Amino acid sequence: MSVTVLRPRERLQLDQENLAALIAGLGPRDGQLAICRTLEAMAEALLEAEAAWRESDFDRLAEYALKIAALASRVGMPVVARVAREIVPLCAGVDDAALCAVVARLSRLAESALFDIWDVEGLSL
């Protein structure tokens, strides 16, 4: 008998125009500082969302999912934002399997995004 371990991996799609506009609007130093602060807030919100999930606190999970969506949109991560928003209606408890799958996907995407954004050309964070 063999066991197959699945490791889903999605390619991150960053909206580099959004990042460039943010940096252009605030200036290179302040723009990059704003991105760093947003990424830090996003990482903290992800930790809180995962804790809420483990504790079955679905109201709190929905709150942090919306926060993650707003932060991800701000720094050009539209897929992360969309997946985070998908969690909110699932917190009503209609489909536990779907909620579990979407929370797992958000964790994978957000963690990947938080690491991959450092590799964006021209962005020295």
PDB file of N, CA and C in Angstrom:
ATOM      1  N   MET A   1       0.845  -1.168   0.000  1.00  0.00           N
ATOM      2  CA  MET A   1       0.000   0.000   0.000  1.00  0.00           C
ATOM      3  C   MET A   1       0.896   1.238   0.000  1.00  0.00           C
ATOM      4  N   SER A   2       0.566   2.182  -0.836  1.00  0.00           N
ATOM      5  CA  SER A   2       1.341   3.425  -0.860  1.00  0.00           C
ATOM      6  C   SER A   2       0.426   4.602  -0.522  1.00  0.00           C
ATOM      7  N   VAL A   3       1.031   5.607   0.032  1.00  0.00           N
ATOM      8  CA  VAL A   3       0.297   6.805   0.422  1.00  0.00           C
ATOM      9  C   VAL A   3       0.764   7.949  -0.467  1.00  0.00           C
ATOM     10  N   THR A   4      -0.177   8.629  -1.051  1.00  0.00           N
ATOM     11  CA  THR A   4       0.146   9.787  -1.874  1.00  0.00           C
ATOM     12  C   THR A   4      -0.158  11.045  -1.077  1.00  0.00           C
ATOM     13  N   VAL A   5       0.826  11.896  -1.004  1.00  0.00           N
ATOM     14  CA  VAL A   5       0.657  13.159  -0.299  1.00  0.00           C
ATOM     15  C   VAL A   5       0.506  14.258  -1.344  1.00  0.00           C
ATOM     16  N   LEU A   6      -0.602  14.967  -1.257  1.00  0.00           N
ATOM     17  CA  LEU A   6      -0.843  16.053  -2.193  1.00  0.00           C
ATOM     18  C   LEU A   6      -0.330  17.355  -1.588  1.00  0.00           C
ATOM     19  N   ARG A   7       0.364  18.115  -2.378  1.00  0.00           N
ATOM     20  CA  ARG A   7       0.861  19.428  -1.951  1.00  0.00           C
ATOM     21  C   ARG A   7       0.426  20.458  -2.983  1.00  0.00           C
ATOM     22  N   PRO A   8      -0.801  20.922  -2.841  1.00  0.00           N
ATOM     23  CA  PRO A   8      -1.283  21.908  -3.827  1.00  0.00           C
ATOM     24  C   PRO A   8      -0.413  23.161  -3.806  1.00  0.00           C
ATOM     25  N   ARG A   9      -0.134  23.673  -4.986  1.00  0.00           N
ATOM     26  CA  ARG A   9       0.676  24.888  -5.101  1.00  0.00           C
ATOM     27  C   ARG A   9       0.105  25.715  -6.242  1.00  0.00           C
ATOM     28  N   GLU A  10      -0.202  26.935  -5.946  1.00  0.00           N
ATOM     29  CA  GLU A  10      -0.711  27.848  -6.969  1.00  0.00           C
ATOM     30  C   GLU A  10       0.323  28.922  -7.216  1.00  0.00           C
ATOM     31  N   ARG A  11       0.392  29.340  -8.443  1.00  0.00           N
ATOM     32  CA  ARG A  11       1.305  30.427  -8.784  1.00  0.00           C
ATOM     33  C   ARG A  11       0.683  31.734  -8.324  1.00  0.00           C
ATOM     34  N   LEU A  12       1.454  32.492  -7.575  1.00  0.00           N
ATOM     35  CA  LEU A  12       0.979  33.769  -7.070  1.00  0.00           C
ATOM     36  C   LEU A  12       0.907  34.780  -8.203  1.00  0.00           C
ATOM     37  N   GLN A  13      -0.179  35.514  -8.237  1.00  0.00           N
ATOM     38  CA  GLN A  13      -0.339  36.568  -9.230  1.00  0.00           C
ATOM     39  C   GLN A  13      -0.380  37.902  -8.490  1.00  0.00           C
ATOM     40  N   LEU A  14       0.725  38.627  -8.573  1.00  0.00           N
ATOM     41  CA  LEU A  14       0.785  39.945  -7.956  1.00  0.00           C
ATOM     42  C   LEU A  14       0.394  40.994  -8.980  1.00  0.00           C
ATOM     43  N   ASP A  15      -0.354  41.966  -8.544  1.00  0.00           N
ATOM     44  CA  ASP A  15      -0.701  43.099  -9.387  1.00  0.00           C
ATOM     45  C   ASP A  15       0.424  44.122  -9.228  1.00  0.00           C
ATOM     46  N   GLN A  16       1.418  43.999 -10.084  1.00  0.00           N
ATOM     47  CA  GLN A  16       2.591  44.861  -9.954  1.00  0.00           C
ATOM     48  C   GLN A  16       2.254  46.319 -10.255  1.00  0.00           C
ATOM     49  N   GLU A  17       1.222  46.550 -11.047  1.00  0.00           N
ATOM     50  CA  GLU A  17       0.802  47.932 -11.307  1.00  0.00           C
ATOM     51  C   GLU A  17       0.288  48.574 -10.019  1.00  0.00           C
ATOM     52  N   ASN A  18      -0.437  47.805  -9.230  1.00  0.00           N
ATOM     53  CA  ASN A  18      -0.941  48.298  -7.948  1.00  0.00           C
ATOM     54  C   ASN A  18       0.222  48.659  -7.027  1.00  0.00           C
ATOM     55  N   LEU A  19       1.212  47.779  -6.960  1.00  0.00           N
ATOM     56  CA  LEU A  19       2.391  48.043  -6.130  1.00  0.00           C
ATOM     57  C   LEU A  19       3.138  49.279  -6.626  1.00  0.00           C
ATOM     58  N   ALA A  20       3.310  49.373  -7.938  1.00  0.00           N
ATOM     59  CA  ALA A  20       4.032  50.518  -8.506  1.00  0.00           C
ATOM     60  C   ALA A  20       3.281  51.821  -8.226  1.00  0.00           C
ATOM     61  N   ALA A  21       1.951  51.790  -8.322  1.00  0.00           N
ATOM     62  CA  ALA A  21       1.155  52.990  -8.049  1.00  0.00           C
ATOM     63  C   ALA A  21       1.276  53.401  -6.585  1.00  0.00           C
ATOM     64  N   LEU A  22       1.277  52.420  -5.709  1.00  0.00           N
ATOM     65  CA  LEU A  22       1.427  52.718  -4.282  1.00  0.00           C
ATOM     66  C   LEU A  22       2.777  53.374  -4.009  1.00  0.00           C
ATOM     67  N   ILE A  23       3.821  52.817  -4.596  1.00  0.00           N
ATOM     68  CA  ILE A  23       5.164  53.368  -4.391  1.00  0.00           C
ATOM     69  C   ILE A  23       5.279  54.744  -5.046  1.00  0.00           C
ATOM     70  N   ALA A  24       4.703  54.897  -6.237  1.00  0.00           N
ATOM     71  CA  ALA A  24       4.765  56.195  -6.918  1.00  0.00           C
ATOM     72  C   ALA A  24       3.995  57.260  -6.134  1.00  0.00           C
ATOM     73  N   GLY A  25       2.880  56.877  -5.554  1.00  0.00           N
ATOM     74  CA  GLY A  25       2.062  57.835  -4.818  1.00  0.00           C
ATOM     75  C   GLY A  25       2.684  58.273  -3.506  1.00  0.00           C
ATOM     76  N   LEU A  26       3.388  57.372  -2.861  1.00  0.00           N
ATOM     77  CA  LEU A  26       3.979  57.692  -1.556  1.00  0.00           C
ATOM     78  C   LEU A  26       5.469  58.003  -1.635  1.00  0.00           C
ATOM     79  N   GLY A  27       6.065  57.697  -2.774  1.00  0.00           N
ATOM     80  CA  GLY A  27       7.509  57.825  -2.898  1.00  0.00           C
ATOM     81  C   GLY A  27       8.153  56.489  -2.586  1.00  0.00           C
ATOM     82  N   PRO A  28       9.359  56.264  -3.084  1.00  0.00           N
ATOM     83  CA  PRO A  28       9.997  54.948  -2.907  1.00  0.00           C
ATOM     84  C   PRO A  28      10.132  54.509  -1.454  1.00  0.00           C
ATOM     85  N   ARG A  29      10.640  55.372  -0.613  1.00  0.00           N
ATOM     86  CA  ARG A  29      10.872  54.981   0.783  1.00  0.00           C
ATOM     87  C   ARG A  29       9.565  54.751   1.524  1.00  0.00           C
ATOM     88  N   ASP A  30       8.649  55.723   1.462  1.00  0.00           N
ATOM     89  CA  ASP A  30       7.384  55.603   2.180  1.00  0.00           C
ATOM     90  C   ASP A  30       6.492  54.514   1.585  1.00  0.00           C
ATOM     91  N   GLY A  31       6.554  54.344   0.262  1.00  0.00           N
ATOM     92  CA  GLY A  31       5.771  53.291  -0.384  1.00  0.00           C
ATOM     93  C   GLY A  31       6.202  51.911   0.063  1.00  0.00           C
ATOM     94  N   GLN A  32       7.498  51.705   0.097  1.00  0.00           N
ATOM     95  CA  GLN A  32       8.008  50.413   0.530  1.00  0.00           C
ATOM     96  C   GLN A  32       7.747  50.180   2.014  1.00  0.00           C
ATOM     97  N   LEU A  33       7.819  51.234   2.792  1.00  0.00           N
ATOM     98  CA  LEU A  33       7.494  51.128   4.216  1.00  0.00           C
ATOM     99  C   LEU A  33       6.025  50.763   4.406  1.00  0.00           C
ATOM    100  N   ALA A  34       5.147  51.369   3.614  1.00  0.00           N
ATOM    101  CA  ALA A  34       3.719  51.055   3.684  1.00  0.00           C
ATOM    102  C   ALA A  34       3.460  49.603   3.298  1.00  0.00           C
ATOM    103  N   ILE A  35       4.164  49.124   2.292  1.00  0.00           N
ATOM    104  CA  ILE A  35       4.012  47.721   1.882  1.00  0.00           C
ATOM    105  C   ILE A  35       4.472  46.796   3.001  1.00  0.00           C
ATOM    106  N   CYS A  36       5.604  47.097   3.610  1.00  0.00           N
ATOM    107  CA  CYS A  36       6.107  46.268   4.715  1.00  0.00           C
ATOM    108  C   CYS A  36       5.115  46.224   5.869  1.00  0.00           C
ATOM    109  N   ARG A  37       4.568  47.375   6.212  1.00  0.00           N
ATOM    110  CA  ARG A  37       3.589  47.421   7.312  1.00  0.00           C
ATOM    111  C   ARG A  37       2.333  46.630   6.960  1.00  0.00           C
ATOM    112  N   THR A  38       1.906  46.740   5.716  1.00  0.00           N
ATOM    113  CA  THR A  38       0.716  46.005   5.285  1.00  0.00           C
ATOM    114  C   THR A  38       0.965  44.506   5.320  1.00  0.00           C
ATOM    115  N   LEU A  39       2.149  44.085   4.879  1.00  0.00           N
ATOM    116  CA  LEU A  39       2.485  42.654   4.909  1.00  0.00           C
ATOM    117  C   LEU A  39       2.552  42.135   6.342  1.00  0.00           C
ATOM    118  N   GLU A  40       3.087  42.944   7.232  1.00  0.00           N
ATOM    119  CA  GLU A  40       3.144  42.548   8.642  1.00  0.00           C
ATOM    120  C   GLU A  40       1.738  42.414   9.216  1.00  0.00           C
ATOM    121  N   ALA A  41       0.871  43.371   8.907  1.00  0.00           N
ATOM    122  CA  ALA A  41      -0.517  43.305   9.378  1.00  0.00           C
ATOM    123  C   ALA A  41      -1.231  42.092   8.776  1.00  0.00           C
ATOM    124  N   MET A  42      -0.927  41.786   7.515  1.00  0.00           N
ATOM    125  CA  MET A  42      -1.542  40.634   6.868  1.00  0.00           C
ATOM    126  C   MET A  42      -1.092  39.334   7.524  1.00  0.00           C
ATOM    127  N   ALA A  43       0.192  39.231   7.863  1.00  0.00           N
ATOM    128  CA  ALA A  43       0.697  38.033   8.533  1.00  0.00           C
ATOM    129  C   ALA A  43       0.037  37.858   9.897  1.00  0.00           C
ATOM    130  N   GLU A  44      -0.110  38.948  10.629  1.00  0.00           N
ATOM    131  CA  GLU A  44      -0.772  38.883  11.939  1.00  0.00           C
ATOM    132  C   GLU A  44      -2.241  38.488  11.791  1.00  0.00           C
ATOM    133  N   ALA A  45      -2.925  39.054  10.805  1.00  0.00           N
ATOM    134  CA  ALA A  45      -4.331  38.715  10.578  1.00  0.00           C
ATOM    135  C   ALA A  45      -4.483  37.252  10.173  1.00  0.00           C
ATOM    136  N   LEU A  46      -3.538  36.737   9.401  1.00  0.00           N
ATOM    137  CA  LEU A  46      -3.571  35.327   9.007  1.00  0.00           C
ATOM    138  C   LEU A  46      -3.422  34.426  10.233  1.00  0.00           C
ATOM    139  N   LEU A  47      -2.510  34.780  11.121  1.00  0.00           N
ATOM    140  CA  LEU A  47      -2.350  34.003  12.358  1.00  0.00           C
ATOM    141  C   LEU A  47      -3.631  34.024  13.193  1.00  0.00           C
ATOM    142  N   GLU A  48      -4.257  35.187  13.292  1.00  0.00           N
ATOM    143  CA  GLU A  48      -5.510  35.313  14.041  1.00  0.00           C
ATOM    144  C   GLU A  48      -6.629  34.515  13.378  1.00  0.00           C
ATOM    145  N   ALA A  49      -6.693  34.558  12.056  1.00  0.00           N
ATOM    146  CA  ALA A  49      -7.723  33.800  11.335  1.00  0.00           C
ATOM    147  C   ALA A  49      -7.539  32.297  11.553  1.00  0.00           C
ATOM    148  N   GLU A  50      -6.296  31.843  11.484  1.00  0.00           N
ATOM    149  CA  GLU A  50      -6.024  30.418  11.707  1.00  0.00           C
ATOM    150  C   GLU A  50      -6.369  30.014  13.141  1.00  0.00           C
ATOM    151  N   ALA A  51      -6.088  30.889  14.099  1.00  0.00           N
ATOM    152  CA  ALA A  51      -6.450  30.607  15.497  1.00  0.00           C
ATOM    153  C   ALA A  51      -7.967  30.549  15.646  1.00  0.00           C
ATOM    154  N   ALA A  52      -8.663  31.475  15.021  1.00  0.00           N
ATOM    155  CA  ALA A  52     -10.135  31.483  15.073  1.00  0.00           C
ATOM    156  C   ALA A  52     -10.686  30.197  14.467  1.00  0.00           C
ATOM    157  N   TRP A  53     -10.088  29.744  13.385  1.00  0.00           N
ATOM    158  CA  TRP A  53     -10.516  28.504  12.734  1.00  0.00           C
ATOM    159  C   TRP A  53     -10.342  27.321  13.689  1.00  0.00           C
ATOM    160  N   ARG A  54      -9.175  27.231  14.316  1.00  0.00           N
ATOM    161  CA  ARG A  54      -8.907  26.120  15.256  1.00  0.00           C
ATOM    162  C   ARG A  54      -9.876  26.140  16.430  1.00  0.00           C
ATOM    163  N   GLU A  55     -10.288  27.351  16.846  1.00  0.00           N
ATOM    164  CA  GLU A  55     -11.187  27.500  17.992  1.00  0.00           C
ATOM    165  C   GLU A  55     -12.667  27.484  17.594  1.00  0.00           C
ATOM    166  N   SER A  56     -12.939  27.265  16.319  1.00  0.00           N
ATOM    167  CA  SER A  56     -14.318  27.276  15.784  1.00  0.00           C
ATOM    168  C   SER A  56     -15.048  28.581  16.086  1.00  0.00           C
ATOM    169  N   ASP A  57     -14.310  29.675  16.086  1.00  0.00           N
ATOM    170  CA  ASP A  57     -14.884  31.002  16.296  1.00  0.00           C
ATOM    171  C   ASP A  57     -15.097  31.617  14.913  1.00  0.00           C
ATOM    172  N   PHE A  58     -16.238  31.293  14.314  1.00  0.00           N
ATOM    173  CA  PHE A  58     -16.485  31.641  12.919  1.00  0.00           C
ATOM    174  C   PHE A  58     -16.764  33.129  12.717  1.00  0.00           C
ATOM    175  N   ASP A  59     -17.303  33.793  13.715  1.00  0.00           N
ATOM    176  CA  ASP A  59     -17.484  35.245  13.598  1.00  0.00           C
ATOM    177  C   ASP A  59     -16.121  35.933  13.516  1.00  0.00           C
ATOM    178  N   ARG A  60     -15.217  35.517  14.370  1.00  0.00           N
ATOM    179  CA  ARG A  60     -13.863  36.084  14.361  1.00  0.00           C
ATOM    180  C   ARG A  60     -13.120  35.709  13.085  1.00  0.00           C
ATOM    181  N   LEU A  61     -13.324  34.496  12.615  1.00  0.00           N
ATOM    182  CA  LEU A  61     -12.708  34.055  11.362  1.00  0.00           C
ATOM    183  C   LEU A  61     -13.166  34.945  10.213  1.00  0.00           C
ATOM    184  N   ALA A  62     -14.457  35.206  10.143  1.00  0.00           N
ATOM    185  CA  ALA A  62     -14.990  36.070   9.080  1.00  0.00           C
ATOM    186  C   ALA A  62     -14.401  37.474   9.183  1.00  0.00           C
ATOM    187  N   GLU A  63     -14.291  37.987  10.395  1.00  0.00           N
ATOM    188  CA  GLU A  63     -13.722  39.328  10.611  1.00  0.00           C
ATOM    189  C   GLU A  63     -12.285  39.398  10.095  1.00  0.00           C
ATOM    190  N   TYR A  64     -11.472  38.414  10.433  1.00  0.00           N
ATOM    191  CA  TYR A  64     -10.077  38.433   9.991  1.00  0.00           C
ATOM    192  C   TYR A  64      -9.946  38.116   8.505  1.00  0.00           C
ATOM    193  N   ALA A  65     -10.850  37.323   7.966  1.00  0.00           N
ATOM    194  CA  ALA A  65     -10.823  37.070   6.527  1.00  0.00           C
ATOM    195  C   ALA A  65     -11.060  38.371   5.758  1.00  0.00           C
ATOM    196  N   LEU A  66     -11.997  39.179   6.232  1.00  0.00           N
ATOM    197  CA  LEU A  66     -12.241  40.471   5.584  1.00  0.00           C
ATOM    198  C   LEU A  66     -11.037  41.397   5.722  1.00  0.00           C
ATOM    199  N   LYS A  67     -10.383  41.345   6.857  1.00  0.00           N
ATOM    200  CA  LYS A  67      -9.188  42.170   7.063  1.00  0.00           C
ATOM    201  C   LYS A  67      -8.079  41.735   6.107  1.00  0.00           C
ATOM    202  N   ILE A  68      -7.898  40.434   5.975  1.00  0.00           N
ATOM    203  CA  ILE A  68      -6.891  39.909   5.049  1.00  0.00           C
ATOM    204  C   ILE A  68      -7.221  40.332   3.627  1.00  0.00           C
ATOM    205  N   ALA A  69      -8.491  40.268   3.253  1.00  0.00           N
ATOM    206  CA  ALA A  69      -8.905  40.668   1.900  1.00  0.00           C
ATOM    207  C   ALA A  69      -8.555  42.127   1.631  1.00  0.00           C
ATOM    208  N   ALA A  70      -8.833  42.998   2.586  1.00  0.00           N
ATOM    209  CA  ALA A  70      -8.543  44.426   2.408  1.00  0.00           C
ATOM    210  C   ALA A  70      -7.034  44.666   2.308  1.00  0.00           C
ATOM    211  N   LEU A  71      -6.273  44.022   3.158  1.00  0.00           N
ATOM    212  CA  LEU A  71      -4.821  44.194   3.139  1.00  0.00           C
ATOM    213  C   LEU A  71      -4.213  43.636   1.851  1.00  0.00           C
ATOM    214  N   ALA A  72      -4.677  42.480   1.426  1.00  0.00           N
ATOM    215  CA  ALA A  72      -4.160  41.867   0.205  1.00  0.00           C
ATOM    216  C   ALA A  72      -4.470  42.738  -1.012  1.00  0.00           C
ATOM    217  N   SER A  73      -5.654  43.316  -1.041  1.00  0.00           N
ATOM    218  CA  SER A  73      -6.008  44.212  -2.144  1.00  0.00           C
ATOM    219  C   SER A  73      -5.082  45.417  -2.178  1.00  0.00           C
ATOM    220  N   ARG A  74      -4.747  45.919  -1.016  1.00  0.00           N
ATOM    221  CA  ARG A  74      -3.899  47.111  -0.917  1.00  0.00           C
ATOM    222  C   ARG A  74      -2.517  46.891  -1.517  1.00  0.00           C
ATOM    223  N   VAL A  75      -1.989  45.668  -1.412  1.00  0.00           N
ATOM    224  CA  VAL A  75      -0.638  45.402  -1.906  1.00  0.00           C
ATOM    225  C   VAL A  75      -0.622  44.522  -3.157  1.00  0.00           C
ATOM    226  N   GLY A  76      -1.708  44.530  -3.903  1.00  0.00           N
ATOM    227  CA  GLY A  76      -1.705  43.869  -5.201  1.00  0.00           C
ATOM    228  C   GLY A  76      -1.747  42.358  -5.187  1.00  0.00           C
ATOM    229  N   MET A  77      -2.519  41.776  -4.278  1.00  0.00           N
ATOM    230  CA  MET A  77      -2.679  40.320  -4.209  1.00  0.00           C
ATOM    231  C   MET A  77      -4.154  39.973  -4.417  1.00  0.00           C
ATOM    232  N   PRO A  78      -4.661  40.127  -5.646  1.00  0.00           N
ATOM    233  CA  PRO A  78      -6.094  39.951  -5.872  1.00  0.00           C
ATOM    234  C   PRO A  78      -6.615  38.543  -5.605  1.00  0.00           C
ATOM    235  N   VAL A  79      -5.823  37.529  -5.855  1.00  0.00           N
ATOM    236  CA  VAL A  79      -6.283  36.154  -5.625  1.00  0.00           C
ATOM    237  C   VAL A  79      -6.417  35.895  -4.130  1.00  0.00           C
ATOM    238  N   VAL A  80      -5.447  36.360  -3.354  1.00  0.00           N
ATOM    239  CA  VAL A  80      -5.517  36.202  -1.899  1.00  0.00           C
ATOM    240  C   VAL A  80      -6.757  36.930  -1.380  1.00  0.00           C
ATOM    241  N   ALA A  81      -6.993  38.135  -1.882  1.00  0.00           N
ATOM    242  CA  ALA A  81      -8.162  38.914  -1.448  1.00  0.00           C
ATOM    243  C   ALA A  81      -9.464  38.184  -1.784  1.00  0.00           C
ATOM    244  N   ARG A  82      -9.551  37.642  -2.989  1.00  0.00           N
ATOM    245  CA  ARG A  82     -10.776  36.946  -3.399  1.00  0.00           C
ATOM    246  C   ARG A  82     -11.024  35.702  -2.555  1.00  0.00           C
ATOM    247  N   VAL A  83      -9.989  34.918  -2.313  1.00  0.00           N
ATOM    248  CA  VAL A  83     -10.139  33.695  -1.512  1.00  0.00           C
ATOM    249  C   VAL A  83     -10.530  34.053  -0.079  1.00  0.00           C
ATOM    250  N   ALA A  84      -9.934  35.107   0.468  1.00  0.00           N
ATOM    251  CA  ALA A  84     -10.290  35.530   1.830  1.00  0.00           C
ATOM    252  C   ALA A  84     -11.769  35.922   1.892  1.00  0.00           C
ATOM    253  N   ARG A  85     -12.253  36.647   0.884  1.00  0.00           N
ATOM    254  CA  ARG A  85     -13.669  37.039   0.873  1.00  0.00           C
ATOM    255  C   ARG A  85     -14.596  35.829   0.729  1.00  0.00           C
ATOM    256  N   GLU A  86     -14.134  34.758   0.095  1.00  0.00           N
ATOM    257  CA  GLU A  86     -14.950  33.549  -0.060  1.00  0.00           C
ATOM    258  C   GLU A  86     -15.231  32.877   1.281  1.00  0.00           C
ATOM    259  N   ILE A  87     -14.399  33.147   2.270  1.00  0.00           N
ATOM    260  CA  ILE A  87     -14.579  32.530   3.588  1.00  0.00           C
ATOM    261  C   ILE A  87     -15.815  33.066   4.300  1.00  0.00           C
ATOM    262  N   VAL A  88     -16.091  34.346   4.128  1.00  0.00           N
ATOM    263  CA  VAL A  88     -17.131  35.011   4.920  1.00  0.00           C
ATOM    264  C   VAL A  88     -18.492  34.322   4.825  1.00  0.00           C
ATOM    265  N   PRO A  89     -19.049  34.083   3.640  1.00  0.00           N
ATOM    266  CA  PRO A  89     -20.367  33.429   3.613  1.00  0.00           C
ATOM    267  C   PRO A  89     -20.330  31.985   4.111  1.00  0.00           C
ATOM    268  N   LEU A  90     -19.166  31.340   4.015  1.00  0.00           N
ATOM    269  CA  LEU A  90     -19.048  29.954   4.486  1.00  0.00           C
ATOM    270  C   LEU A  90     -19.036  29.858   6.005  1.00  0.00           C
ATOM    271  N   CYS A  91     -18.764  30.968   6.677  1.00  0.00           N
ATOM    272  CA  CYS A  91     -18.744  30.960   8.143  1.00  0.00           C
ATOM    273  C   CYS A  91     -20.141  30.793   8.739  1.00  0.00           C
ATOM    274  N   ALA A  92     -21.167  30.856   7.915  1.00  0.00           N
ATOM    275  CA  ALA A  92     -22.539  30.653   8.386  1.00  0.00           C
ATOM    276  C   ALA A  92     -22.799  29.191   8.757  1.00  0.00           C
ATOM    277  N   GLY A  93     -21.874  28.303   8.394  1.00  0.00           N
ATOM    278  CA  GLY A  93     -21.978  26.917   8.821  1.00  0.00           C
ATOM    279  C   GLY A  93     -22.745  25.997   7.908  1.00  0.00           C
ATOM    280  N   VAL A  94     -22.968  26.411   6.681  1.00  0.00           N
ATOM    281  CA  VAL A  94     -23.739  25.581   5.755  1.00  0.00           C
ATOM    282  C   VAL A  94     -22.913  24.433   5.194  1.00  0.00           C
ATOM    283  N   ASP A  95     -21.646  24.680   4.920  1.00  0.00           N
ATOM    284  CA  ASP A  95     -20.810  23.679   4.265  1.00  0.00           C
ATOM    285  C   ASP A  95     -19.430  23.638   4.932  1.00  0.00           C
ATOM    286  N   ASP A  96     -19.302  22.782   5.938  1.00  0.00           N
ATOM    287  CA  ASP A  96     -18.050  22.695   6.699  1.00  0.00           C
ATOM    288  C   ASP A  96     -16.868  22.263   5.835  1.00  0.00           C
ATOM    289  N   ALA A  97     -17.100  21.340   4.906  1.00  0.00           N
ATOM    290  CA  ALA A  97     -16.009  20.862   4.051  1.00  0.00           C
ATOM    291  C   ALA A  97     -15.495  21.985   3.156  1.00  0.00           C
ATOM    292  N   ALA A  98     -16.399  22.781   2.613  1.00  0.00           N
ATOM    293  CA  ALA A  98     -15.990  23.901   1.767  1.00  0.00           C
ATOM    294  C   ALA A  98     -15.221  24.930   2.585  1.00  0.00           C
ATOM    295  N   LEU A  99     -15.693  25.227   3.787  1.00  0.00           N
ATOM    296  CA  LEU A  99     -15.004  26.187   4.642  1.00  0.00           C
ATOM    297  C   LEU A  99     -13.596  25.693   4.950  1.00  0.00           C
ATOM    298  N   CYS A 100     -13.467  24.443   5.290  1.00  0.00           N
ATOM    299  CA  CYS A 100     -12.155  23.864   5.587  1.00  0.00           C
ATOM    300  C   CYS A 100     -11.227  23.994   4.377  1.00  0.00           C
ATOM    301  N   ALA A 101     -11.733  23.686   3.198  1.00  0.00           N
ATOM    302  CA  ALA A 101     -10.922  23.759   1.977  1.00  0.00           C
ATOM    303  C   ALA A 101     -10.491  25.192   1.678  1.00  0.00           C
ATOM    304  N   VAL A 102     -11.397  26.141   1.839  1.00  0.00           N
ATOM    305  CA  VAL A 102     -11.074  27.533   1.515  1.00  0.00           C
ATOM    306  C   VAL A 102     -10.117  28.126   2.548  1.00  0.00           C
ATOM    307  N   VAL A 103     -10.275  27.776   3.810  1.00  0.00           N
ATOM    308  CA  VAL A 103      -9.335  28.240   4.835  1.00  0.00           C
ATOM    309  C   VAL A 103      -7.942  27.684   4.547  1.00  0.00           C
ATOM    310  N   ALA A 104      -7.854  26.424   4.183  1.00  0.00           N
ATOM    311  CA  ALA A 104      -6.561  25.822   3.851  1.00  0.00           C
ATOM    312  C   ALA A 104      -5.954  26.508   2.628  1.00  0.00           C
ATOM    313  N   ARG A 105      -6.785  26.794   1.632  1.00  0.00           N
ATOM    314  CA  ARG A 105      -6.282  27.480   0.433  1.00  0.00           C
ATOM    315  C   ARG A 105      -5.796  28.882   0.777  1.00  0.00           C
ATOM    316  N   LEU A 106      -6.537  29.606   1.600  1.00  0.00           N
ATOM    317  CA  LEU A 106      -6.109  30.941   1.996  1.00  0.00           C
ATOM    318  C   LEU A 106      -4.762  30.874   2.714  1.00  0.00           C
ATOM    319  N   SER A 107      -4.605  29.942   3.607  1.00  0.00           N
ATOM    320  CA  SER A 107      -3.329  29.804   4.325  1.00  0.00           C
ATOM    321  C   SER A 107      -2.181  29.559   3.365  1.00  0.00           C
ATOM    322  N   ARG A 108      -2.378  28.653   2.413  1.00  0.00           N
ATOM    323  CA  ARG A 108      -1.322  28.358   1.433  1.00  0.00           C
ATOM    324  C   ARG A 108      -0.993  29.591   0.598  1.00  0.00           C
ATOM    325  N   LEU A 109      -2.036  30.226   0.070  1.00  0.00           N
ATOM    326  CA  LEU A 109      -1.823  31.384  -0.809  1.00  0.00           C
ATOM    327  C   LEU A 109      -1.180  32.550  -0.069  1.00  0.00           C
ATOM    328  N   ALA A 110      -1.696  32.858   1.100  1.00  0.00           N
ATOM    329  CA  ALA A 110      -1.184  34.011   1.845  1.00  0.00           C
ATOM    330  C   ALA A 110       0.260  33.783   2.277  1.00  0.00           C
ATOM    331  N   GLU A 111       0.559  32.601   2.759  1.00  0.00           N
ATOM    332  CA  GLU A 111       1.932  32.325   3.167  1.00  0.00           C
ATOM    333  C   GLU A 111       2.873  32.405   1.970  1.00  0.00           C
ATOM    334  N   SER A 112       2.456  31.849   0.850  1.00  0.00           N
ATOM    335  CA  SER A 112       3.258  31.925  -0.367  1.00  0.00           C
ATOM    336  C   SER A 112       3.430  33.379  -0.798  1.00  0.00           C
ATOM    337  N   ALA A 113       2.350  34.146  -0.741  1.00  0.00           N
ATOM    338  CA  ALA A 113       2.398  35.551  -1.153  1.00  0.00           C
ATOM    339  C   ALA A 113       3.334  36.353  -0.273  1.00  0.00           C
ATOM    340  N   LEU A 114       3.306  36.094   1.012  1.00  0.00           N
ATOM    341  CA  LEU A 114       4.153  36.840   1.936  1.00  0.00           C
ATOM    342  C   LEU A 114       5.633  36.579   1.674  1.00  0.00           C
ATOM    343  N   PHE A 115       5.956  35.394   1.179  1.00  0.00           N
ATOM    344  CA  PHE A 115       7.345  35.104   0.835  1.00  0.00           C
ATOM    345  C   PHE A 115       7.687  35.576  -0.572  1.00  0.00           C
ATOM    346  N   ASP A 116       6.768  35.369  -1.521  1.00  0.00           N
ATOM    347  CA  ASP A 116       7.051  35.662  -2.923  1.00  0.00           C
ATOM    348  C   ASP A 116       7.124  37.157  -3.234  1.00  0.00           C
ATOM    349  N   ILE A 117       6.473  37.972  -2.459  1.00  0.00           N
ATOM    350  CA  ILE A 117       6.480  39.412  -2.763  1.00  0.00           C
ATOM    351  C   ILE A 117       7.888  39.989  -2.645  1.00  0.00           C
ATOM    352  N   TRP A 118       8.738  39.361  -1.862  1.00  0.00           N
ATOM    353  CA  TRP A 118      10.116  39.860  -1.712  1.00  0.00           C
ATOM    354  C   TRP A 118      10.898  39.729  -3.014  1.00  0.00           C
ATOM    355  N   ASP A 119      10.431  38.848  -3.919  1.00  0.00           N
ATOM    356  CA  ASP A 119      11.137  38.607  -5.184  1.00  0.00           C
ATOM    357  C   ASP A 119      10.653  39.508  -6.321  1.00  0.00           C
ATOM    358  N   VAL A 120       9.720  40.413  -6.029  1.00  0.00           N
ATOM    359  CA  VAL A 120       9.207  41.282  -7.089  1.00  0.00           C
ATOM    360  C   VAL A 120      10.316  42.205  -7.573  1.00  0.00           C
ATOM    361  N   GLU A 121      10.500  42.207  -8.877  1.00  0.00           N
ATOM    362  CA  GLU A 121      11.565  43.028  -9.471  1.00  0.00           C
ATOM    363  C   GLU A 121      11.359  44.507  -9.149  1.00  0.00           C
ATOM    364  N   GLY A 122      12.406  45.140  -8.714  1.00  0.00           N
ATOM    365  CA  GLY A 122      12.360  46.564  -8.427  1.00  0.00           C
ATOM    366  C   GLY A 122      11.845  46.908  -7.050  1.00  0.00           C
ATOM    367  N   LEU A 123      11.485  45.901  -6.286  1.00  0.00           N
ATOM    368  CA  LEU A 123      10.952  46.148  -4.946  1.00  0.00           C
ATOM    369  C   LEU A 123      12.007  45.692  -3.948  1.00  0.00           C
ATOM    370  N   SER A 124      12.587  46.615  -3.253  1.00  0.00           N
ATOM    371  CA  SER A 124      13.631  46.274  -2.287  1.00  0.00           C
ATOM    372  C   SER A 124      13.107  46.490  -0.892  1.00  0.00           C
ATOM    373  N   LEU A 125      12.396  45.497  -0.384  1.00  0.00           N
ATOM    374  CA  LEU A 125      11.803  45.604   0.949  1.00  0.00           C
ATOM    375  C   LEU A 125      12.745  45.105   1.998  1.00  0.00           C
TER     376      LEU A 125
END
